[in-house]
Amino acid sequence: MIEGTQKSEATQRNINPSDISLPPGYNIEVFAQGLDLPVSMFFTENGDLIFAELGYTTGNPRILRLSEGRFDVVAENFNVPITGINYYDGVIYVSHSGFISVVELDGTRRNIILGLPSNGDYNNNRVVIGPDEKMYFGQGTATNSGVVGLDNDWVFTNPMVYDYSGEYVMLNGQNFETENILIENPQSEKLYTGAYSPYGIPNTPNEVRKGITRASGSILRANLDGSELELYAWGFRNPVYMKFDNVERLFVANNGYEARGSRPIANAVDEFFLVAPGIWHGWPDYSGGDPVTLPRFKPEGREQPEFRLTQHPHIPPRPYAIFPTNSVIRGFDFNYNQAFGPFGDVYIAEFGRSGLRIRGDTTPYIGTGQRISKIDMKTGGVSTFAINRSGFPASMTKEGGLERPAEVVFGPDGAMYVLDLGWNVSMESNLFVPNSGVIWRIYKE
């Protein structure tokens, strides 16, 4: 087991692998601990582990190398947050808020894509290199479901931020009333905001929005130097993690709607998509291939969601697999080691939610998230692979198991490595205990 750079802080988290339940024949151990919000990792050709820290607790997102039991800083001072790193041909590709940068292993760096629309709820995400030797990455949306509202704290600093469409769309003209939070006495003035519009700007019926390349909720593709950026697919909410399988198919983990804001949507699923190039995948009007106008998507005490678009580009594809509300699926990997488990199946981190429930959310948090799940790639069925024996995240029970799994990577030794972001501060889902991150190693007997 390897200790992080600030061992003294790591004692704030109790760690005990025996608190984690696995299928018979599997074991789990701590590979490294005392890490400060580790969010993404990969192995180099010589077996070194490279990982990135989000930067929320320090204000300094950085990339570190773990080699021969020692940590070295490769690069630092990125925009908060780093959302993912990847490695290709001796170069590290770094996604950080609004930018894609490349870093040589000696620390030399340069920005290759700038000005991505990441000033809202969700950022640009991890880069993956395709079989065509182009880079692909996800771009999250500015809002939960297409409408800027009181749930978007960034309105105070970026009041002109809103979502952009990937192609021409026509809007139905529905607007949403809120207090004007941009003035000293918000209750004295009402504002009306439409879809794909800045805060306080209403829609008119049949208003048209032009599609752009850097669309919200999209998958973008570019050359390895960042040139010739193009829209590959769109209609996602937060395409947080992508990977190609061994037959060159691109899969993406997409986080579903929440029951919040001016247009809350309840009971929305997380989606694991086989990406269809050039195709709209359903956001902001579908979840799991179903229209949000169905009764099950109505939040308690709120209106039934209506479509934002008067006409949809087409019926969106259904996901390859779906996960319950509040799963918050994240990084995944394909298993191609038959000694570990079924060949080709996906193991995926469920980050989960914790803390207070969102108003109008009728689905309990317990029973989803804070686990590693397995997707049967023959059937699309999902089963739990690793979970705390208590069924609760470790910070709730003060036991020593999983807290916020963020990524799964199979190492050169055939074992599974699970990156666990860190312990949540009690009842605060976005606050973490510094230096409480862990990398777990799961192996077959």
Protein backbone atom coordinates (compact mmCIF):
# COMPACT_ATOMS: atom_id res chain seq x y z
CA MET A 1 0.00 0.00 0.00
CA ILE A 2 1.27 3.46 -0.94
CA GLU A 3 0.64 6.58 1.12
CA GLY A 4 -0.15 9.91 -0.50
CA THR A 5 1.86 13.08 -0.17
CA GLN A 6 0.06 14.20 3.00
CA LYS A 7 -0.28 11.10 5.13
CA SER A 8 -1.42 12.94 8.27
CA GLU A 9 -4.66 14.08 6.67
CA ALA A 10 -5.44 10.58 5.37
CA THR A 11 -6.21 9.40 8.90
CA GLN A 12 -9.49 11.34 8.72
CA ARG A 13 -10.85 8.49 6.62
CA ASN A 14 -11.28 5.00 8.01
CA ILE A 15 -10.20 2.45 5.40
CA ASN A 16 -11.04 -1.24 5.64
CA PRO A 17 -11.26 -3.42 2.49
CA SER A 18 -13.19 -6.10 4.40
CA ASP A 19 -16.17 -3.71 4.55
CA ILE A 20 -16.62 -4.17 0.78
CA SER A 21 -18.64 -7.09 -0.62
CA LEU A 22 -17.38 -8.81 -3.80
CA PRO A 23 -18.41 -11.93 -5.71
CA PRO A 24 -16.78 -15.17 -4.52
CA GLY A 25 -13.19 -15.56 -5.68
CA TYR A 26 -12.33 -11.84 -5.74
CA ASN A 27 -10.19 -9.88 -3.29
CA ILE A 28 -9.75 -6.16 -2.71
CA GLU A 29 -6.88 -4.21 -1.20
CA VAL A 30 -5.75 -0.60 -0.87
CA PHE A 31 -3.25 0.29 -3.59
CA ALA A 32 -2.76 3.97 -2.60
CA GLN A 33 -4.35 6.33 -0.10
CA GLY A 34 -4.08 9.89 1.18
CA LEU A 35 -4.81 11.33 -2.28
CA ASP A 36 -6.51 14.72 -2.70
CA LEU A 37 -9.63 14.29 -4.86
CA PRO A 38 -8.14 12.01 -7.53
CA VAL A 39 -10.46 12.06 -10.54
CA SER A 40 -8.81 10.23 -13.46
CA MET A 41 -5.93 7.82 -14.06
CA PHE A 42 -4.08 5.65 -16.57
CA PHE A 43 -1.03 3.38 -16.75
CA THR A 44 1.96 4.15 -19.00
CA GLU A 45 3.85 1.58 -21.07
CA ASN A 46 6.37 1.06 -18.26
CA GLY A 47 3.68 0.49 -15.64
CA ASP A 48 3.74 3.92 -13.98
CA LEU A 49 0.36 5.18 -12.74
CA ILE A 50 -0.53 8.75 -13.73
CA PHE A 51 -3.49 10.38 -12.00
CA ALA A 52 -5.10 13.82 -11.81
CA GLU A 53 -6.50 15.77 -8.88
CA LEU A 54 -9.68 17.82 -9.32
CA GLY A 55 -8.32 20.85 -7.49
CA TYR A 56 -11.48 21.78 -5.56
CA THR A 57 -9.80 21.67 -2.14
CA THR A 58 -6.51 23.28 -3.16
CA GLY A 59 -7.42 25.49 -6.12
CA ASN A 60 -4.51 23.81 -7.93
CA PRO A 61 -5.54 20.93 -10.19
CA ARG A 62 -2.48 18.86 -10.96
CA ILE A 63 -1.20 15.65 -12.52
CA LEU A 64 1.00 13.26 -10.56
CA ARG A 65 3.06 10.21 -11.41
CA LEU A 66 3.26 7.23 -9.06
CA SER A 67 6.45 5.32 -9.82
CA GLU A 68 8.34 2.90 -7.59
CA GLY A 69 6.31 3.97 -4.58
CA ARG A 70 7.04 7.69 -5.01
CA PHE A 71 4.79 10.57 -6.12
CA ASP A 72 6.09 13.22 -8.52
CA VAL A 73 4.19 16.23 -9.89
CA VAL A 74 4.08 16.12 -13.71
CA ALA A 75 2.12 19.37 -14.26
CA GLU A 76 -0.09 21.71 -12.24
CA ASN A 77 -2.06 24.99 -12.22
CA PHE A 78 -4.82 23.94 -14.60
CA ASN A 79 -8.29 25.45 -14.60
CA VAL A 80 -10.57 24.10 -11.85
CA PRO A 81 -11.57 21.38 -12.31
CA ILE A 82 -9.57 18.82 -14.23
CA THR A 83 -12.27 16.43 -15.45
CA GLY A 84 -10.12 13.77 -17.07
CA ILE A 85 -6.74 12.74 -18.43
CA ASN A 86 -5.67 10.23 -21.03
CA TYR A 87 -2.46 9.11 -22.69
CA TYR A 88 -1.47 8.50 -26.29
CA ASP A 89 1.92 8.21 -27.99
CA GLY A 90 3.85 9.72 -25.08
CA VAL A 91 1.48 12.67 -24.58
CA ILE A 92 -1.04 13.32 -21.79
CA TYR A 93 -4.35 14.86 -22.93
CA VAL A 94 -5.88 16.98 -20.18
CA SER A 95 -9.49 18.17 -20.03
CA HIS A 96 -9.90 21.11 -17.67
CA SER A 97 -12.62 23.73 -17.55
CA GLY A 98 -12.95 25.28 -21.02
CA PHE A 99 -9.68 23.82 -22.34
CA ILE A 100 -8.03 20.74 -23.79
CA SER A 101 -4.28 20.78 -23.16
CA VAL A 102 -1.44 18.39 -23.92
CA VAL A 103 1.42 17.66 -21.55
CA GLU A 104 4.67 15.82 -22.31
CA LEU A 105 5.93 13.48 -19.61
CA ASP A 106 8.71 15.99 -18.90
CA GLY A 107 6.02 18.58 -18.00
CA THR A 108 6.05 20.61 -21.22
CA ARG A 109 2.50 21.73 -22.02
CA ARG A 110 0.37 23.66 -24.47
CA ASN A 111 -3.34 24.40 -24.97
CA ILE A 112 -4.77 22.92 -28.18
CA ILE A 113 -8.51 23.70 -27.81
CA LEU A 114 -9.77 26.83 -26.03
CA GLY A 115 -13.10 28.49 -25.35
CA LEU A 116 -15.27 25.43 -24.76
CA PRO A 117 -18.73 26.27 -23.29
CA SER A 118 -17.98 25.09 -19.75
CA ASN A 119 -19.12 28.04 -17.62
CA GLY A 120 -22.42 26.38 -16.67
CA ASP A 121 -23.31 23.24 -14.73
CA TYR A 122 -21.06 20.80 -16.60
CA ASN A 123 -17.64 20.88 -18.21
CA ASN A 124 -15.78 19.41 -21.13
CA ASN A 125 -14.79 15.87 -20.22
CA ARG A 126 -12.02 13.31 -20.70
CA VAL A 127 -10.40 12.87 -24.12
CA VAL A 128 -10.29 9.46 -25.79
CA ILE A 129 -8.30 8.66 -28.94
CA GLY A 130 -10.22 6.87 -31.66
CA PRO A 131 -9.14 4.23 -34.19
CA ASP A 132 -9.02 7.06 -36.74
CA GLU A 133 -6.28 8.73 -34.60
CA LYS A 134 -8.56 11.63 -33.78
CA MET A 135 -9.45 12.88 -30.33
CA TYR A 136 -13.01 12.66 -28.98
CA PHE A 137 -14.41 14.27 -25.84
CA GLY A 138 -17.74 15.06 -24.24
CA GLN A 139 -19.07 18.56 -23.59
CA GLY A 140 -21.66 18.88 -20.83
CA THR A 141 -24.69 21.17 -20.78
CA ALA A 142 -25.02 24.53 -19.05
CA THR A 143 -28.30 23.58 -17.37
CA ASN A 144 -30.15 20.59 -15.99
CA SER A 145 -32.84 20.39 -18.68
CA GLY A 146 -32.44 23.30 -21.08
CA VAL A 147 -33.65 26.28 -18.98
CA VAL A 148 -31.51 28.63 -16.88
CA GLY A 149 -33.06 29.03 -13.42
CA LEU A 150 -32.53 29.57 -9.73
CA ASP A 151 -30.59 26.31 -9.43
CA ASN A 152 -27.77 27.77 -11.53
CA ASP A 153 -25.49 29.62 -9.09
CA TRP A 154 -23.21 30.70 -11.93
CA VAL A 155 -25.89 33.17 -13.13
CA PHE A 156 -24.43 35.81 -10.79
CA THR A 157 -21.05 35.76 -12.54
CA ASN A 158 -22.06 34.53 -16.03
CA PRO A 159 -25.62 35.78 -16.65
CA MET A 160 -25.36 35.35 -20.43
CA VAL A 161 -24.48 31.63 -20.32
CA TYR A 162 -27.06 29.24 -21.79
CA ASP A 163 -27.28 26.03 -23.80
CA TYR A 164 -26.49 25.75 -27.50
CA SER A 165 -28.15 23.37 -29.95
CA GLY A 166 -26.27 21.02 -32.26
CA GLU A 167 -28.55 21.71 -35.23
CA TYR A 168 -31.49 23.92 -36.15
CA VAL A 169 -34.36 23.44 -33.70
CA MET A 170 -37.74 25.13 -33.22
CA LEU A 171 -38.88 25.94 -29.66
CA ASN A 172 -42.41 25.62 -28.32
CA GLY A 173 -42.43 29.05 -26.64
CA GLN A 174 -43.01 27.93 -23.04
CA ASN A 175 -41.35 30.24 -20.49
CA PHE A 176 -40.64 29.81 -16.79
CA GLU A 177 -41.21 32.45 -14.11
CA THR A 178 -38.64 33.15 -11.40
CA GLU A 179 -37.68 35.94 -9.06
CA ASN A 180 -35.05 38.27 -10.45
CA ILE A 181 -32.06 37.16 -8.39
CA LEU A 182 -29.82 39.71 -10.12
CA ILE A 183 -31.29 42.67 -8.23
CA GLU A 184 -31.10 43.66 -4.57
CA ASN A 185 -34.73 42.76 -3.82
CA PRO A 186 -35.41 39.63 -5.93
CA GLN A 187 -39.07 39.30 -4.91
CA SER A 188 -39.93 42.70 -6.34
CA GLU A 189 -39.50 41.62 -9.96
CA LYS A 190 -40.35 38.53 -11.98
CA LEU A 191 -38.38 37.24 -14.92
CA TYR A 192 -39.40 34.82 -17.66
CA THR A 193 -36.84 32.50 -19.20
CA GLY A 194 -37.16 30.19 -22.18
CA ALA A 195 -35.17 27.21 -23.40
CA TYR A 196 -31.79 27.75 -25.07
CA SER A 197 -31.85 31.35 -23.80
CA PRO A 198 -29.94 33.43 -21.21
CA TYR A 199 -31.51 34.02 -17.82
CA GLY A 200 -34.50 36.38 -18.12
CA ILE A 201 -34.86 36.09 -21.90
CA PRO A 202 -38.20 34.51 -22.90
CA ASN A 203 -39.01 32.41 -25.97
CA THR A 204 -41.69 33.16 -28.50
CA PRO A 205 -43.67 30.31 -30.11
CA ASN A 206 -41.82 28.64 -32.99
CA GLU A 207 -38.62 30.55 -32.29
CA VAL A 208 -35.63 28.95 -34.04
CA ARG A 209 -32.14 28.26 -32.72
CA LYS A 210 -29.23 27.69 -35.06
CA GLY A 211 -26.97 24.71 -34.48
CA ILE A 212 -23.29 25.21 -33.69
CA THR A 213 -20.25 22.95 -33.56
CA ARG A 214 -19.49 23.55 -29.85
CA ALA A 215 -22.97 22.47 -28.83
CA SER A 216 -24.06 21.79 -25.28
CA GLY A 217 -24.37 18.11 -24.39
CA SER A 218 -22.29 16.95 -27.33
CA ILE A 219 -19.43 14.72 -28.37
CA LEU A 220 -16.78 16.64 -30.28
CA ARG A 221 -13.99 15.33 -32.49
CA ALA A 222 -10.74 16.94 -33.62
CA ASN A 223 -7.27 16.15 -34.92
CA LEU A 224 -4.68 15.34 -32.27
CA ASP A 225 -3.37 18.90 -32.45
CA GLY A 226 -6.88 20.29 -31.80
CA SER A 227 -7.51 21.42 -35.36
CA GLU A 228 -10.63 20.74 -37.45
CA LEU A 229 -12.98 20.56 -34.46
CA GLU A 230 -16.33 19.06 -35.47
CA LEU A 231 -19.60 17.94 -33.92
CA TYR A 232 -19.72 14.13 -33.79
CA ALA A 233 -23.03 13.56 -31.91
CA TRP A 234 -25.30 15.59 -29.61
CA GLY A 235 -28.39 15.45 -27.37
CA PHE A 236 -26.60 14.27 -24.22
CA ARG A 237 -26.83 15.94 -20.81
CA ASN A 238 -23.39 15.24 -19.39
CA PRO A 239 -21.39 12.76 -21.50
CA VAL A 240 -18.91 12.34 -18.68
CA TYR A 241 -16.77 9.42 -19.92
CA MET A 242 -16.17 7.68 -23.25
CA LYS A 243 -14.19 4.71 -24.47
CA PHE A 244 -13.85 2.61 -27.64
CA ASP A 245 -14.19 -1.16 -27.36
CA ASN A 246 -11.99 -3.69 -29.18
CA VAL A 247 -14.15 -3.56 -32.32
CA GLU A 248 -13.97 0.25 -32.54
CA ARG A 249 -17.41 1.08 -31.18
CA LEU A 250 -17.67 4.25 -29.06
CA PHE A 251 -19.60 4.03 -25.78
CA VAL A 252 -20.42 6.92 -23.44
CA ALA A 253 -21.66 7.25 -19.86
CA ASN A 254 -24.28 10.01 -19.73
CA ASN A 255 -25.73 11.47 -16.51
CA GLY A 256 -29.50 11.98 -16.45
CA TYR A 257 -31.71 14.89 -15.38
CA GLU A 258 -32.30 15.92 -11.79
CA ALA A 259 -35.53 17.14 -10.17
CA ARG A 260 -34.32 20.72 -9.82
CA GLY A 261 -34.61 24.15 -11.36
CA SER A 262 -37.33 25.75 -13.46
CA ARG A 263 -37.92 22.53 -15.42
CA PRO A 264 -37.35 19.68 -12.95
CA ILE A 265 -37.55 16.12 -14.25
CA ALA A 266 -37.98 13.29 -11.74
CA ASN A 267 -36.97 9.64 -12.01
CA ALA A 268 -34.69 10.16 -14.99
CA VAL A 269 -32.17 7.40 -15.64
CA ASP A 270 -28.45 7.48 -16.32
CA GLU A 271 -27.63 6.18 -19.78
CA PHE A 272 -24.86 4.03 -21.24
CA PHE A 273 -25.01 4.72 -24.97
CA LEU A 274 -23.49 3.13 -28.01
CA VAL A 275 -22.87 6.43 -29.77
CA ALA A 276 -24.51 6.90 -33.15
CA PRO A 277 -22.44 9.38 -35.21
CA GLY A 278 -24.27 12.50 -36.34
CA ILE A 279 -27.35 11.59 -34.29
CA TRP A 280 -29.34 13.50 -31.64
CA HIS A 281 -29.58 11.35 -28.48
CA GLY A 282 -32.61 12.89 -26.72
CA TRP A 283 -31.65 15.81 -24.44
CA PRO A 284 -33.61 17.90 -23.39
CA ASP A 285 -36.83 15.97 -24.16
CA TYR A 286 -36.06 12.25 -23.65
CA SER A 287 -34.66 10.06 -20.88
CA GLY A 288 -33.65 6.46 -21.49
CA GLY A 289 -35.29 6.63 -24.91
CA ASP A 290 -38.66 7.70 -23.43
CA PRO A 291 -40.30 11.14 -23.69
CA VAL A 292 -40.21 13.22 -20.50
CA THR A 293 -43.91 13.93 -21.02
CA LEU A 294 -44.68 10.50 -19.53
CA PRO A 295 -46.28 10.68 -16.02
CA ARG A 296 -43.34 9.03 -14.25
CA PHE A 297 -41.14 12.04 -14.99
CA LYS A 298 -43.44 14.47 -13.16
CA PRO A 299 -41.83 15.77 -9.94
CA GLU A 300 -43.88 15.76 -6.78
CA GLY A 301 -45.79 19.06 -6.49
CA ARG A 302 -44.56 20.38 -9.85
CA GLU A 303 -45.89 20.50 -13.40
CA GLN A 304 -45.60 17.68 -15.89
CA PRO A 305 -42.59 18.43 -18.13
CA GLU A 306 -43.43 19.47 -21.68
CA PHE A 307 -41.26 19.16 -24.76
CA ARG A 308 -38.90 22.08 -25.41
CA LEU A 309 -38.71 21.34 -29.14
CA THR A 310 -41.76 21.52 -31.40
CA GLN A 311 -40.25 18.89 -33.68
CA HIS A 312 -37.47 16.47 -32.84
CA PRO A 313 -34.71 15.67 -35.33
CA HIS A 314 -35.81 12.01 -35.06
CA ILE A 315 -36.75 9.47 -32.42
CA PRO A 316 -33.55 9.19 -30.36
CA PRO A 317 -31.78 5.82 -29.96
CA ARG A 318 -32.37 3.86 -26.81
CA PRO A 319 -29.41 3.38 -24.47
CA TYR A 320 -27.40 0.17 -24.49
CA ALA A 321 -27.94 0.00 -20.71
CA ILE A 322 -29.68 2.16 -18.13
CA PHE A 323 -29.04 2.93 -14.47
CA PRO A 324 -31.51 4.16 -11.80
CA THR A 325 -31.85 7.79 -10.80
CA ASN A 326 -28.98 9.07 -8.64
CA SER A 327 -26.51 6.41 -9.85
CA VAL A 328 -24.28 9.12 -11.41
CA ILE A 329 -22.28 6.72 -13.57
CA ARG A 330 -18.69 7.74 -14.29
CA GLY A 331 -15.52 6.08 -15.59
CA PHE A 332 -15.63 2.55 -17.00
CA ASP A 333 -13.42 -0.02 -18.68
CA PHE A 334 -13.85 -3.15 -20.78
CA ASN A 335 -12.51 -6.40 -19.37
CA TYR A 336 -10.45 -8.35 -21.89
CA ASN A 337 -8.85 -10.66 -19.33
CA GLN A 338 -10.86 -13.90 -19.23
CA ALA A 339 -9.11 -14.88 -16.01
CA PHE A 340 -10.78 -11.89 -14.32
CA GLY A 341 -14.33 -12.23 -15.63
CA PRO A 342 -16.55 -12.44 -18.73
CA PHE A 343 -14.65 -11.24 -21.79
CA GLY A 344 -15.77 -7.83 -23.06
CA ASP A 345 -18.08 -6.91 -20.19
CA VAL A 346 -17.96 -3.37 -18.81
CA TYR A 347 -17.17 -2.47 -15.21
CA ILE A 348 -18.36 1.02 -14.34
CA ALA A 349 -18.07 3.34 -11.34
CA GLU A 350 -21.30 4.65 -9.84
CA PHE A 351 -20.30 7.89 -8.16
CA GLY A 352 -23.73 8.34 -6.58
CA ARG A 353 -25.21 11.26 -4.71
CA SER A 354 -25.17 11.90 -0.99
CA GLY A 355 -26.32 14.57 1.41
CA LEU A 356 -29.73 16.22 1.28
CA ARG A 357 -32.30 15.08 -1.27
CA ILE A 358 -33.23 17.43 -4.09
CA ARG A 359 -36.68 19.00 -3.80
CA GLY A 360 -39.21 17.01 -5.80
CA ASP A 361 -36.96 13.96 -6.15
CA THR A 362 -39.15 11.00 -5.22
CA THR A 363 -36.38 8.38 -5.53
CA PRO A 364 -34.35 7.54 -2.40
CA TYR A 365 -30.59 7.82 -2.72
CA ILE A 366 -29.98 4.55 -0.92
CA GLY A 367 -29.91 1.65 -3.37
CA THR A 368 -28.03 3.54 -6.09
CA GLY A 369 -24.49 4.77 -6.52
CA GLN A 370 -21.35 4.29 -4.40
CA ARG A 371 -20.55 0.96 -6.05
CA ILE A 372 -18.96 -0.74 -9.04
CA SER A 373 -21.45 -2.29 -11.44
CA LYS A 374 -21.03 -4.71 -14.32
CA ILE A 375 -22.74 -4.39 -17.70
CA ASP A 376 -23.32 -7.67 -19.53
CA MET A 377 -22.46 -6.58 -23.06
CA LYS A 378 -24.44 -9.44 -24.57
CA THR A 379 -27.74 -8.43 -22.95
CA GLY A 380 -27.28 -4.88 -21.62
CA GLY A 381 -28.17 -6.12 -18.14
CA VAL A 382 -26.62 -4.38 -15.14
CA SER A 383 -25.56 -6.08 -11.90
CA THR A 384 -23.66 -4.97 -8.81
CA PHE A 385 -20.04 -6.13 -8.65
CA ALA A 386 -18.58 -4.30 -5.61
CA ILE A 387 -20.56 -2.55 -2.87
CA ASN A 388 -20.21 -1.80 0.83
CA ARG A 389 -21.67 -4.56 2.99
CA SER A 390 -23.81 -1.97 4.76
CA GLY A 391 -25.29 -0.73 1.49
CA PHE A 392 -24.41 2.83 2.51
CA PRO A 393 -21.48 5.07 1.55
CA ALA A 394 -18.61 4.86 4.03
CA SER A 395 -19.02 8.43 5.31
CA MET A 396 -22.54 7.65 6.51
CA THR A 397 -21.64 4.56 8.53
CA LYS A 398 -18.05 5.58 9.44
CA GLU A 399 -16.93 2.18 8.17
CA GLY A 400 -13.99 1.67 5.85
CA GLY A 401 -15.40 0.85 2.41
CA LEU A 402 -16.23 2.68 -0.81
CA GLU A 403 -17.21 6.33 -0.78
CA ARG A 404 -17.32 8.03 -4.23
CA PRO A 405 -15.99 5.73 -6.98
CA ALA A 406 -15.04 7.84 -10.00
CA GLU A 407 -13.22 5.56 -12.44
CA VAL A 408 -12.39 1.93 -13.20
CA VAL A 409 -9.21 0.98 -15.08
CA PHE A 410 -7.74 -2.46 -15.74
CA GLY A 411 -4.01 -2.42 -15.07
CA PRO A 412 -1.15 -4.18 -16.88
CA ASP A 413 -1.30 -6.92 -14.23
CA GLY A 414 -4.91 -7.75 -15.17
CA ALA A 415 -6.30 -6.42 -11.89
CA MET A 416 -9.03 -3.78 -11.63
CA TYR A 417 -8.05 -0.41 -10.17
CA VAL A 418 -10.85 1.71 -8.70
CA LEU A 419 -10.32 5.41 -8.13
CA ASP A 420 -12.31 6.60 -5.08
CA LEU A 421 -12.51 10.42 -4.99
CA GLY A 422 -12.71 10.84 -1.21
CA TRP A 423 -14.93 11.16 1.84
CA ASN A 424 -17.87 13.54 1.77
CA VAL A 425 -18.26 16.12 4.50
CA SER A 426 -21.42 15.14 6.40
CA MET A 427 -24.61 16.10 4.50
CA GLU A 428 -22.65 18.15 1.95
CA SER A 429 -22.52 16.23 -1.33
CA ASN A 430 -20.03 18.62 -2.97
CA LEU A 431 -17.58 19.01 -0.06
CA PHE A 432 -14.83 16.47 0.61
CA VAL A 433 -12.29 15.75 3.33
CA PRO A 434 -8.85 16.71 1.91
CA ASN A 435 -6.44 13.86 1.17
CA SER A 436 -9.08 11.17 1.71
CA GLY A 437 -8.90 9.74 -1.82
CA VAL A 438 -8.09 6.05 -2.33
CA ILE A 439 -7.14 3.78 -5.20
CA TRP A 440 -8.42 0.25 -4.60
CA ARG A 441 -7.08 -2.86 -6.35
CA ILE A 442 -9.45 -5.78 -7.05
CA TYR A 443 -7.98 -9.09 -8.21
CA LYS A 444 -9.06 -12.66 -8.79
CA GLU A 445 -7.76 -15.42 -6.53
